[in-house]
Amino acid sequence: MKVYTAVIIQLIIWSGYTFIEWLSKYDQLVFKALMFFVFLYLAVIIGHYIIKSTRKTFVATMVSLSVYGSFHVIMTLAI
């Protein structure tokens, strides 16, 4: 249940990243990449705080990032 909770919270974090990315649509790619790594770090830290296992945190973060990425690609192609 901890992994599920961490993935859900990380998906909320990725939704926040999408919103901030939308607000900064005129920023340079370097700053968007830096912002991505800040959100990735935040997702890992919060996931590790909930799960308390490095390996499970890594897996949960990759799962949430994969779900976010696939959803983002599907929504981009649908428009």
N, C-alpha and C. Protein backbone atom coordinates (compact mmCIF):
# COMPACT_ATOMS: atom_id res chain seq x y z
N MET A 1 0.82 -1.19 0.00
CA MET A 1 0.00 0.00 0.00
C MET A 1 0.87 1.26 0.00
N LYS A 2 2.07 1.18 0.58
CA LYS A 2 2.95 2.34 0.61
C LYS A 2 3.42 2.70 -0.80
N VAL A 3 3.70 1.68 -1.60
CA VAL A 3 4.16 1.94 -2.97
C VAL A 3 3.04 2.58 -3.78
N TYR A 4 1.84 2.09 -3.63
CA TYR A 4 0.69 2.65 -4.32
C TYR A 4 0.49 4.11 -3.93
N THR A 5 0.57 4.42 -2.65
CA THR A 5 0.43 5.78 -2.17
C THR A 5 1.53 6.67 -2.75
N ALA A 6 2.75 6.18 -2.77
CA ALA A 6 3.86 6.96 -3.31
C ALA A 6 3.67 7.23 -4.79
N VAL A 7 3.21 6.23 -5.53
CA VAL A 7 2.99 6.43 -6.98
C VAL A 7 1.90 7.46 -7.21
N ILE A 8 0.82 7.42 -6.45
CA ILE A 8 -0.26 8.39 -6.60
C ILE A 8 0.24 9.80 -6.29
N ILE A 9 0.99 9.95 -5.22
CA ILE A 9 1.52 11.28 -4.87
C ILE A 9 2.52 11.75 -5.92
N GLN A 10 3.32 10.84 -6.45
CA GLN A 10 4.25 11.22 -7.50
C GLN A 10 3.51 11.62 -8.77
N LEU A 11 2.40 10.98 -9.08
CA LEU A 11 1.61 11.41 -10.23
C LEU A 11 1.04 12.81 -10.02
N ILE A 12 0.71 13.13 -8.79
CA ILE A 12 0.27 14.50 -8.48
C ILE A 12 1.43 15.47 -8.71
N ILE A 13 2.62 15.07 -8.32
CA ILE A 13 3.80 15.90 -8.55
C ILE A 13 4.02 16.11 -10.05
N TRP A 14 3.89 15.03 -10.84
CA TRP A 14 4.07 15.16 -12.29
C TRP A 14 2.97 16.03 -12.90
N SER A 15 1.78 16.01 -12.34
CA SER A 15 0.73 16.92 -12.82
C SER A 15 1.10 18.36 -12.55
N GLY A 16 1.70 18.60 -11.39
CA GLY A 16 2.20 19.94 -11.08
C GLY A 16 3.29 20.36 -12.04
N TYR A 17 4.14 19.41 -12.41
CA TYR A 17 5.20 19.71 -13.38
C TYR A 17 4.59 20.09 -14.72
N THR A 18 3.56 19.39 -15.15
CA THR A 18 2.91 19.71 -16.42
C THR A 18 2.32 21.11 -16.39
N PHE A 19 1.70 21.47 -15.27
CA PHE A 19 1.12 22.81 -15.13
C PHE A 19 2.21 23.87 -15.18
N ILE A 20 3.29 23.68 -14.46
CA ILE A 20 4.38 24.66 -14.45
C ILE A 20 5.04 24.73 -15.82
N GLU A 21 5.17 23.59 -16.49
CA GLU A 21 5.74 23.58 -17.84
C GLU A 21 4.84 24.36 -18.80
N TRP A 22 3.54 24.23 -18.63
CA TRP A 22 2.60 24.96 -19.47
C TRP A 22 2.71 26.47 -19.22
N LEU A 23 2.90 26.86 -17.96
CA LEU A 23 3.05 28.27 -17.64
C LEU A 23 4.35 28.86 -18.20
N SER A 24 5.37 28.04 -18.34
CA SER A 24 6.66 28.52 -18.82
C SER A 24 6.93 28.03 -20.24
N LYS A 25 5.94 28.13 -21.10
CA LYS A 25 6.09 27.60 -22.45
C LYS A 25 7.10 28.36 -23.30
N TYR A 26 7.46 29.58 -22.90
CA TYR A 26 8.43 30.36 -23.67
C TYR A 26 9.84 30.28 -23.10
N ASP A 27 10.04 29.48 -22.08
CA ASP A 27 11.37 29.33 -21.50
C ASP A 27 12.26 28.49 -22.40
N GLN A 28 13.55 28.62 -22.19
CA GLN A 28 14.50 27.83 -22.97
C GLN A 28 14.47 26.38 -22.49
N LEU A 29 14.95 25.49 -23.37
CA LEU A 29 14.94 24.06 -23.08
C LEU A 29 15.81 23.71 -21.88
N VAL A 30 16.89 24.43 -21.68
CA VAL A 30 17.79 24.18 -20.55
C VAL A 30 17.05 24.37 -19.22
N PHE A 31 16.26 25.42 -19.14
CA PHE A 31 15.53 25.69 -17.91
C PHE A 31 14.41 24.69 -17.69
N LYS A 32 13.80 24.22 -18.78
CA LYS A 32 12.77 23.18 -18.64
C LYS A 32 13.40 21.87 -18.17
N ALA A 33 14.60 21.56 -18.64
CA ALA A 33 15.29 20.35 -18.19
C ALA A 33 15.67 20.47 -16.71
N LEU A 34 16.15 21.63 -16.30
CA LEU A 34 16.46 21.84 -14.88
C LEU A 34 15.21 21.70 -14.02
N MET A 35 14.11 22.25 -14.51
CA MET A 35 12.85 22.14 -13.77
C MET A 35 12.41 20.68 -13.67
N PHE A 36 12.61 19.90 -14.74
CA PHE A 36 12.27 18.47 -14.70
C PHE A 36 13.07 17.76 -13.62
N PHE A 37 14.37 18.05 -13.54
CA PHE A 37 15.20 17.38 -12.53
C PHE A 37 14.84 17.82 -11.11
N VAL A 38 14.39 19.04 -10.94
CA VAL A 38 13.92 19.48 -9.62
C VAL A 38 12.68 18.69 -9.23
N PHE A 39 11.74 18.52 -10.15
CA PHE A 39 10.53 17.76 -9.85
C PHE A 39 10.85 16.27 -9.67
N LEU A 40 11.80 15.75 -10.43
CA LEU A 40 12.22 14.36 -10.26
C LEU A 40 12.82 14.16 -8.87
N TYR A 41 13.67 15.09 -8.45
CA TYR A 41 14.27 15.01 -7.12
C TYR A 41 13.18 15.07 -6.04
N LEU A 42 12.23 15.95 -6.22
CA LEU A 42 11.13 16.07 -5.27
C LEU A 42 10.32 14.77 -5.20
N ALA A 43 10.06 14.16 -6.35
CA ALA A 43 9.31 12.91 -6.38
C ALA A 43 10.08 11.79 -5.68
N VAL A 44 11.39 11.73 -5.89
CA VAL A 44 12.21 10.68 -5.26
C VAL A 44 12.26 10.88 -3.75
N ILE A 45 12.45 12.11 -3.32
CA ILE A 45 12.53 12.39 -1.88
C ILE A 45 11.22 12.04 -1.18
N ILE A 46 10.10 12.46 -1.75
CA ILE A 46 8.81 12.16 -1.13
C ILE A 46 8.53 10.66 -1.19
N GLY A 47 8.87 10.01 -2.30
CA GLY A 47 8.69 8.57 -2.39
C GLY A 47 9.52 7.82 -1.37
N HIS A 48 10.75 8.25 -1.18
CA HIS A 48 11.61 7.59 -0.20
C HIS A 48 11.11 7.83 1.23
N TYR A 49 10.55 9.00 1.47
CA TYR A 49 9.99 9.30 2.79
C TYR A 49 8.81 8.37 3.10
N ILE A 50 8.01 8.05 2.09
CA ILE A 50 6.84 7.20 2.30
C ILE A 50 7.24 5.72 2.34
N ILE A 51 8.06 5.28 1.39
CA ILE A 51 8.35 3.86 1.24
C ILE A 51 9.47 3.39 2.16
N LYS A 52 10.50 4.21 2.35
CA LYS A 52 11.65 3.91 3.20
C LYS A 52 12.49 2.73 2.68
N SER A 53 12.52 2.57 1.36
CA SER A 53 13.34 1.56 0.71
C SER A 53 13.85 2.16 -0.60
N THR A 54 15.15 2.14 -0.78
CA THR A 54 15.73 2.78 -1.96
C THR A 54 15.32 2.08 -3.24
N ARG A 55 15.36 0.76 -3.25
CA ARG A 55 15.01 0.01 -4.45
C ARG A 55 13.54 0.19 -4.81
N LYS A 56 12.66 0.08 -3.84
CA LYS A 56 11.23 0.25 -4.10
C LYS A 56 10.90 1.69 -4.50
N THR A 57 11.62 2.64 -3.93
CA THR A 57 11.43 4.03 -4.32
C THR A 57 11.81 4.25 -5.77
N PHE A 58 12.93 3.66 -6.19
CA PHE A 58 13.36 3.78 -7.59
C PHE A 58 12.32 3.17 -8.52
N VAL A 59 11.81 1.99 -8.17
CA VAL A 59 10.80 1.33 -9.01
C VAL A 59 9.52 2.15 -9.06
N ALA A 60 9.07 2.65 -7.92
CA ALA A 60 7.84 3.45 -7.87
C ALA A 60 7.99 4.73 -8.68
N THR A 61 9.16 5.35 -8.60
CA THR A 61 9.39 6.57 -9.36
C THR A 61 9.42 6.29 -10.86
N MET A 62 10.03 5.20 -11.26
CA MET A 62 10.05 4.85 -12.68
C MET A 62 8.65 4.49 -13.18
N VAL A 63 7.85 3.83 -12.35
CA VAL A 63 6.48 3.51 -12.73
C VAL A 63 5.66 4.79 -12.90
N SER A 64 5.75 5.69 -11.94
CA SER A 64 4.97 6.92 -12.04
C SER A 64 5.45 7.78 -13.21
N LEU A 65 6.75 7.81 -13.45
CA LEU A 65 7.27 8.57 -14.58
C LEU A 65 6.85 7.93 -15.91
N SER A 66 6.80 6.62 -15.97
CA SER A 66 6.35 5.93 -17.19
C SER A 66 4.87 6.19 -17.45
N VAL A 67 4.06 6.11 -16.41
CA VAL A 67 2.63 6.38 -16.57
C VAL A 67 2.41 7.82 -17.00
N TYR A 68 3.12 8.75 -16.37
CA TYR A 68 3.02 10.16 -16.74
C TYR A 68 3.46 10.38 -18.18
N GLY A 69 4.59 9.80 -18.55
CA GLY A 69 5.12 9.98 -19.90
C GLY A 69 4.20 9.42 -20.96
N SER A 70 3.68 8.22 -20.73
CA SER A 70 2.79 7.61 -21.72
C SER A 70 1.48 8.39 -21.82
N PHE A 71 0.96 8.85 -20.70
CA PHE A 71 -0.26 9.66 -20.73
C PHE A 71 0.00 10.98 -21.45
N HIS A 72 1.15 11.58 -21.20
CA HIS A 72 1.51 12.86 -21.84
C HIS A 72 1.63 12.68 -23.36
N VAL A 73 2.25 11.59 -23.79
CA VAL A 73 2.38 11.33 -25.23
C VAL A 73 1.03 11.06 -25.87
N ILE A 74 0.20 10.28 -25.21
CA ILE A 74 -1.14 9.98 -25.76
C ILE A 74 -1.96 11.26 -25.88
N MET A 75 -1.94 12.12 -24.88
CA MET A 75 -2.70 13.36 -24.94
C MET A 75 -2.12 14.32 -25.98
N THR A 76 -0.83 14.30 -26.18
CA THR A 76 -0.22 15.16 -27.20
C THR A 76 -0.61 14.69 -28.61
N LEU A 77 -0.64 13.39 -28.81
CA LEU A 77 -1.02 12.85 -30.12
C LEU A 77 -2.52 12.99 -30.39
N ALA A 78 -3.32 13.01 -29.34
CA ALA A 78 -4.77 13.10 -29.52
C ALA A 78 -5.21 14.50 -29.93
N ILE A 79 -4.39 15.48 -29.64
CA ILE A 79 -4.77 16.87 -29.97
C ILE A 79 -4.40 17.20 -31.35
